[in-house]
Amino acid sequence: INASIAISGTVIVASTLQNPVNVAPSANAAGASFKANTQLVANTPETIFAAGANVNGAIVTAIGFKSNLATQGITAIVAKATAPATVIDGDVVMGPQTALGTINMGFLPAAIKIPAGKGLYFITDTNEAAGANLRYCLYTLL
């Protein structure tokens, strides 16, 4: 078969991409880890990695949480150049995928890249209650 295709507009050629990153998760992909099970206080972020440490971008290969909240609320993962003040103050990377009463749970279904100059934070809009709270992240600073 011999055919031709006409293309108009801008075409990105793979060799013109700067610093392409393979974000496919693998067992060897994470260079660092974070984990915590303490009770978070409302609108008080917990730093996974600070913006100052993220000079070339970061690849997050796994992240998740289970928050046992004192009252109904939202737990989120936010990327921002400074610590967020609320669950929507910055780039919301993930919110709860399951909310059962006062329980929020979520996990990242695929690896993502966090741009250089942004930190990554867990934050909730209501106090966490005592009990089975868990937050984790596997990431690599580039």
Protein backbone atom coordinates (compact mmCIF):
# COMPACT_ATOMS: atom_id res chain seq x y z
CA ILE A 1 0.00 0.00 0.00
CA ASN A 2 1.33 3.40 -0.94
CA ALA A 3 -0.45 6.46 0.44
CA SER A 4 0.20 10.02 1.48
CA ILE A 5 -1.27 12.08 4.31
CA ALA A 6 -1.58 15.85 4.38
CA ILE A 7 -1.09 17.41 7.82
CA SER A 8 -1.77 21.04 8.60
CA GLY A 9 -0.97 22.97 11.77
CA THR A 10 1.80 22.32 14.26
CA VAL A 11 3.31 18.86 14.49
CA ILE A 12 5.51 17.97 17.45
CA VAL A 13 8.37 15.70 16.46
CA ALA A 14 9.74 13.51 19.25
CA SER A 15 13.30 14.69 18.68
CA THR A 16 12.27 18.30 19.34
CA LEU A 17 10.96 17.59 22.85
CA GLN A 18 13.18 18.85 25.63
CA ASN A 19 13.91 16.39 28.36
CA PRO A 20 11.14 13.85 27.70
CA VAL A 21 10.31 11.91 30.85
CA ASN A 22 9.03 8.36 31.01
CA VAL A 23 6.51 8.45 33.84
CA ALA A 24 5.53 4.79 33.69
CA PRO A 25 5.64 3.51 37.26
CA SER A 26 8.01 0.70 38.05
CA ALA A 27 9.42 -0.97 41.10
CA ASN A 28 12.63 1.06 40.75
CA ALA A 29 11.07 4.43 39.89
CA ALA A 30 10.84 6.05 43.33
CA GLY A 31 13.87 7.82 44.72
CA ALA A 32 12.19 8.95 47.95
CA SER A 33 9.20 8.12 50.10
CA PHE A 34 6.92 9.88 52.54
CA LYS A 35 4.55 8.34 55.06
CA ALA A 36 2.58 9.60 58.03
CA ASN A 37 -0.31 8.58 60.25
CA THR A 38 -0.56 11.51 62.64
CA GLN A 39 -3.79 13.52 62.98
CA LEU A 40 -3.88 16.53 60.65
CA VAL A 41 -5.30 19.83 61.87
CA ALA A 42 -7.75 21.63 59.55
CA ASN A 43 -6.08 23.81 56.90
CA THR A 44 -2.60 22.99 58.19
CA PRO A 45 -0.65 21.41 55.31
CA GLU A 46 1.72 18.50 55.72
CA THR A 47 4.74 18.78 53.42
CA ILE A 48 5.62 15.80 51.23
CA PHE A 49 8.44 17.76 49.56
CA ALA A 50 9.09 21.50 49.64
CA ALA A 51 9.10 23.71 46.56
CA GLY A 52 12.75 24.62 47.19
CA ALA A 53 13.78 20.98 46.90
CA ASN A 54 11.97 20.58 43.58
CA VAL A 55 14.36 22.44 41.24
CA ASN A 56 13.92 20.23 38.14
CA GLY A 57 10.46 18.75 38.60
CA ALA A 58 9.33 15.59 40.35
CA ILE A 59 7.72 12.34 39.30
CA VAL A 60 5.12 10.96 41.70
CA THR A 61 4.67 7.25 41.11
CA ALA A 62 2.35 6.44 44.02
CA ILE A 63 0.35 8.58 46.41
CA GLY A 64 -2.68 7.94 48.56
CA PHE A 65 -4.49 8.61 51.79
CA LYS A 66 -7.15 7.41 54.18
CA SER A 67 -8.39 10.20 56.45
CA ASN A 68 -10.63 9.60 59.43
CA LEU A 69 -12.14 13.10 59.78
CA ALA A 70 -13.79 14.46 62.93
CA THR A 71 -16.67 15.81 60.79
CA GLN A 72 -17.47 15.55 57.09
CA GLY A 73 -14.84 17.31 55.03
CA ILE A 74 -12.31 16.98 52.24
CA THR A 75 -8.73 15.77 52.15
CA ALA A 76 -6.62 16.85 49.16
CA ILE A 77 -3.13 16.70 47.72
CA VAL A 78 -2.04 20.11 46.46
CA ALA A 79 1.01 21.26 44.48
CA LYS A 80 2.06 24.87 45.04
CA ALA A 81 5.14 27.10 45.29
CA THR A 82 4.19 27.90 48.90
CA ALA A 83 2.28 25.91 51.49
CA PRO A 84 -1.46 25.94 50.70
CA ALA A 85 -3.95 27.54 53.09
CA THR A 86 -6.97 25.46 51.96
CA VAL A 87 -7.74 22.28 50.02
CA ILE A 88 -8.14 24.30 46.79
CA ASP A 89 -5.25 26.76 47.26
CA GLY A 90 -2.94 25.63 44.45
CA ASP A 91 -3.00 22.84 41.89
CA VAL A 92 -5.25 20.13 43.29
CA VAL A 93 -3.48 16.94 42.28
CA MET A 94 -6.05 14.68 43.91
CA GLY A 95 -9.08 14.80 46.17
CA PRO A 96 -11.01 11.96 47.76
CA GLN A 97 -12.20 9.25 45.39
CA THR A 98 -14.30 7.64 48.07
CA ALA A 99 -16.04 9.48 50.89
CA LEU A 100 -17.96 7.37 53.39
CA GLY A 101 -19.40 9.67 56.04
CA THR A 102 -16.30 11.12 57.68
CA ILE A 103 -13.84 8.78 55.93
CA ASN A 104 -11.95 10.11 52.85
CA MET A 105 -9.85 7.76 50.74
CA GLY A 106 -7.94 8.22 47.52
CA PHE A 107 -5.01 6.95 45.50
CA LEU A 108 -3.27 8.09 42.36
CA PRO A 109 -4.14 5.81 39.42
CA ALA A 110 -1.12 6.80 37.29
CA ALA A 111 2.24 8.52 37.70
CA ILE A 112 2.31 12.31 37.30
CA LYS A 113 4.94 15.03 36.99
CA ILE A 114 4.97 17.97 39.40
CA PRO A 115 6.52 21.07 37.76
CA ALA A 116 9.78 22.49 39.09
CA GLY A 117 9.37 25.09 41.83
CA LYS A 118 6.25 23.51 43.36
CA GLY A 119 6.05 21.57 46.58
CA LEU A 120 3.56 18.80 47.30
CA TYR A 121 1.27 18.84 50.32
CA PHE A 122 -1.48 16.87 52.05
CA ILE A 123 -4.19 19.12 53.51
CA THR A 124 -7.68 18.66 54.96
CA ASP A 125 -10.43 21.21 55.61
CA THR A 126 -11.44 19.67 58.93
CA ASN A 127 -9.50 18.06 61.78
CA GLU A 128 -8.66 14.40 61.49
CA ALA A 129 -9.94 12.22 64.31
CA ALA A 130 -7.94 9.60 66.14
CA GLY A 131 -7.91 6.29 64.37
CA ALA A 132 -6.61 4.80 61.19
CA ASN A 133 -5.17 7.77 59.29
CA LEU A 134 -2.60 7.06 56.59
CA ARG A 135 -0.81 9.22 54.01
CA TYR A 136 1.94 7.99 51.68
CA CYS A 137 3.86 9.04 48.60
CA LEU A 138 6.62 7.56 46.43
CA TYR A 139 8.40 10.16 44.31
CA THR A 140 11.62 11.10 42.58
CA LEU A 141 13.02 14.62 42.44
CA LEU A 142 14.55 15.07 39.00
